[in-house]
Amino acid sequence: MAPKLKPSSKEYIRDKNGRQTNRWIIRHYTIASATVDELRSALKTSPRKRNVINKELVRRGISV
């Protein structure tokens, strides 16, 4: 699986009135789906994933 910024979470779907239903989806927080601002803040806070985050920013054409 792709490298993640944070662990996956289970989110319940809400109905039109905003109430929680019994249906749910799993949300994955991958590096490829993160915004540039999230990647920059994660670059400062997580030294273990620094190389992967740098590669993603280079792939997007953003200098660090």
N, C-alpha and C. Protein backbone atom coordinates (compact mmCIF):
# COMPACT_ATOMS: atom_id res chain seq x y z
N MET A 1 0.84 -1.18 0.00
CA MET A 1 0.00 0.00 0.00
C MET A 1 0.88 1.24 0.00
N ALA A 2 0.34 2.34 -0.44
CA ALA A 2 1.08 3.59 -0.52
C ALA A 2 1.46 4.09 0.88
N PRO A 3 2.55 4.85 0.99
CA PRO A 3 2.93 5.38 2.32
C PRO A 3 1.89 6.37 2.81
N LYS A 4 1.65 6.35 4.11
CA LYS A 4 0.60 7.19 4.70
C LYS A 4 1.20 8.26 5.60
N LEU A 5 0.49 9.38 5.70
CA LEU A 5 0.89 10.44 6.63
C LEU A 5 0.42 10.12 8.05
N LYS A 6 -0.78 9.58 8.16
CA LYS A 6 -1.32 9.19 9.45
C LYS A 6 -2.17 7.94 9.25
N PRO A 7 -2.53 7.25 10.30
CA PRO A 7 -3.28 6.00 10.15
C PRO A 7 -4.65 6.22 9.52
N SER A 8 -5.17 5.18 8.89
CA SER A 8 -6.49 5.24 8.29
C SER A 8 -7.55 5.35 9.38
N SER A 9 -8.70 5.92 9.02
CA SER A 9 -9.76 6.07 10.00
C SER A 9 -11.08 5.63 9.41
N LYS A 10 -12.00 5.28 10.27
CA LYS A 10 -13.33 4.85 9.88
C LYS A 10 -14.28 6.02 10.13
N GLU A 11 -14.94 6.51 9.08
CA GLU A 11 -15.84 7.66 9.20
C GLU A 11 -17.26 7.21 8.86
N TYR A 12 -18.19 7.59 9.72
CA TYR A 12 -19.59 7.25 9.49
C TYR A 12 -20.22 8.27 8.55
N ILE A 13 -21.08 7.78 7.68
CA ILE A 13 -21.79 8.65 6.74
C ILE A 13 -22.99 9.25 7.46
N ARG A 14 -23.23 10.53 7.23
CA ARG A 14 -24.35 11.22 7.86
C ARG A 14 -25.49 11.38 6.86
N ASP A 15 -26.72 11.41 7.37
CA ASP A 15 -27.86 11.59 6.49
C ASP A 15 -28.09 13.07 6.23
N LYS A 16 -29.19 13.40 5.55
CA LYS A 16 -29.43 14.80 5.16
C LYS A 16 -29.70 15.71 6.36
N ASN A 17 -30.08 15.15 7.50
CA ASN A 17 -30.31 15.93 8.71
C ASN A 17 -29.06 16.04 9.59
N GLY A 18 -27.97 15.41 9.15
CA GLY A 18 -26.73 15.48 9.90
C GLY A 18 -26.58 14.40 10.95
N ARG A 19 -27.50 13.43 10.97
CA ARG A 19 -27.41 12.36 11.96
C ARG A 19 -26.54 11.23 11.43
N GLN A 20 -25.86 10.57 12.32
CA GLN A 20 -24.97 9.47 11.97
C GLN A 20 -25.80 8.24 11.58
N THR A 21 -25.41 7.58 10.49
CA THR A 21 -26.09 6.37 10.04
C THR A 21 -25.23 5.15 10.38
N ASN A 22 -25.68 3.97 10.00
CA ASN A 22 -24.92 2.75 10.24
C ASN A 22 -23.90 2.49 9.14
N ARG A 23 -23.93 3.25 8.06
CA ARG A 23 -22.98 3.07 6.96
C ARG A 23 -21.70 3.83 7.26
N TRP A 24 -20.59 3.31 6.78
CA TRP A 24 -19.30 3.96 7.02
C TRP A 24 -18.36 3.70 5.86
N ILE A 25 -17.31 4.54 5.79
CA ILE A 25 -16.25 4.39 4.81
C ILE A 25 -14.91 4.46 5.53
N ILE A 26 -13.90 3.88 4.92
CA ILE A 26 -12.56 3.96 5.48
C ILE A 26 -11.80 5.03 4.72
N ARG A 27 -11.25 6.00 5.44
CA ARG A 27 -10.52 7.11 4.85
C ARG A 27 -9.02 6.83 5.01
N HIS A 28 -8.29 6.81 3.89
CA HIS A 28 -6.85 6.59 3.90
C HIS A 28 -6.14 7.93 3.67
N TYR A 29 -5.16 8.22 4.47
CA TYR A 29 -4.42 9.48 4.38
C TYR A 29 -3.05 9.21 3.75
N THR A 30 -3.03 9.04 2.44
CA THR A 30 -1.78 8.76 1.74
C THR A 30 -1.04 10.04 1.42
N ILE A 31 0.23 9.92 1.14
CA ILE A 31 1.06 11.07 0.81
C ILE A 31 0.66 11.66 -0.53
N ALA A 32 0.26 10.81 -1.47
CA ALA A 32 -0.12 11.29 -2.80
C ALA A 32 -1.41 12.10 -2.77
N SER A 33 -2.29 11.85 -1.81
CA SER A 33 -3.56 12.57 -1.75
C SER A 33 -3.52 13.79 -0.84
N ALA A 34 -2.41 14.04 -0.18
CA ALA A 34 -2.29 15.17 0.74
C ALA A 34 -2.04 16.47 -0.03
N THR A 35 -2.43 17.58 0.57
CA THR A 35 -2.18 18.88 -0.03
C THR A 35 -0.73 19.28 0.20
N VAL A 36 -0.29 20.30 -0.50
CA VAL A 36 1.09 20.76 -0.37
C VAL A 36 1.35 21.30 1.03
N ASP A 37 0.38 22.01 1.60
CA ASP A 37 0.55 22.55 2.95
C ASP A 37 0.69 21.43 3.99
N GLU A 38 -0.11 20.36 3.83
CA GLU A 38 0.01 19.23 4.75
C GLU A 38 1.36 18.56 4.63
N LEU A 39 1.86 18.44 3.40
CA LEU A 39 3.17 17.82 3.19
C LEU A 39 4.29 18.65 3.80
N ARG A 40 4.20 19.96 3.65
CA ARG A 40 5.24 20.83 4.22
C ARG A 40 5.25 20.77 5.74
N SER A 41 4.07 20.73 6.36
CA SER A 41 4.03 20.65 7.82
C SER A 41 4.50 19.27 8.29
N ALA A 42 4.18 18.22 7.54
CA ALA A 42 4.62 16.87 7.91
C ALA A 42 6.12 16.73 7.71
N LEU A 43 6.68 17.45 6.77
CA LEU A 43 8.11 17.40 6.52
C LEU A 43 8.89 17.90 7.74
N LYS A 44 8.34 18.87 8.43
CA LYS A 44 9.00 19.43 9.62
C LYS A 44 8.81 18.54 10.85
N THR A 45 7.70 17.82 10.91
CA THR A 45 7.37 17.09 12.14
C THR A 45 7.75 15.61 12.11
N SER A 46 7.81 14.99 10.93
CA SER A 46 8.08 13.55 10.90
C SER A 46 9.39 13.25 10.18
N PRO A 47 10.46 13.02 10.93
CA PRO A 47 11.76 12.76 10.30
C PRO A 47 11.84 11.40 9.61
N ARG A 48 11.01 10.44 9.98
CA ARG A 48 11.09 9.10 9.40
C ARG A 48 10.58 9.06 7.96
N LYS A 49 9.69 9.97 7.60
CA LYS A 49 9.08 9.97 6.27
C LYS A 49 9.60 11.12 5.41
N ARG A 50 10.67 11.73 5.83
CA ARG A 50 11.20 12.90 5.13
C ARG A 50 11.56 12.61 3.68
N ASN A 51 12.19 11.47 3.41
CA ASN A 51 12.61 11.13 2.06
C ASN A 51 11.41 10.94 1.14
N VAL A 52 10.37 10.26 1.61
CA VAL A 52 9.19 10.01 0.79
C VAL A 52 8.44 11.31 0.51
N ILE A 53 8.37 12.19 1.50
CA ILE A 53 7.69 13.47 1.32
C ILE A 53 8.47 14.34 0.34
N ASN A 54 9.80 14.34 0.45
CA ASN A 54 10.61 15.09 -0.51
C ASN A 54 10.40 14.60 -1.93
N LYS A 55 10.35 13.29 -2.13
CA LYS A 55 10.11 12.73 -3.46
C LYS A 55 8.76 13.16 -4.01
N GLU A 56 7.76 13.19 -3.17
CA GLU A 56 6.41 13.60 -3.62
C GLU A 56 6.39 15.08 -4.02
N LEU A 57 7.07 15.93 -3.24
CA LEU A 57 7.11 17.34 -3.58
C LEU A 57 7.88 17.58 -4.88
N VAL A 58 8.95 16.82 -5.10
CA VAL A 58 9.70 16.93 -6.35
C VAL A 58 8.85 16.46 -7.52
N ARG A 59 8.09 15.40 -7.32
CA ARG A 59 7.20 14.88 -8.35
C ARG A 59 6.15 15.92 -8.76
N ARG A 60 5.70 16.71 -7.79
CA ARG A 60 4.73 17.76 -8.07
C ARG A 60 5.36 19.04 -8.62
N GLY A 61 6.68 19.09 -8.62
CA GLY A 61 7.37 20.25 -9.17
C GLY A 61 7.54 21.39 -8.19
N ILE A 62 7.60 21.08 -6.91
CA ILE A 62 7.75 22.09 -5.86
C ILE A 62 9.10 21.93 -5.22
N SER A 63 9.85 23.03 -5.14
CA SER A 63 11.17 22.97 -4.50
C SER A 63 11.01 23.11 -3.00
N VAL A 64 11.86 22.43 -2.27
CA VAL A 64 11.78 22.42 -0.81
C VAL A 64 12.66 23.49 -0.22
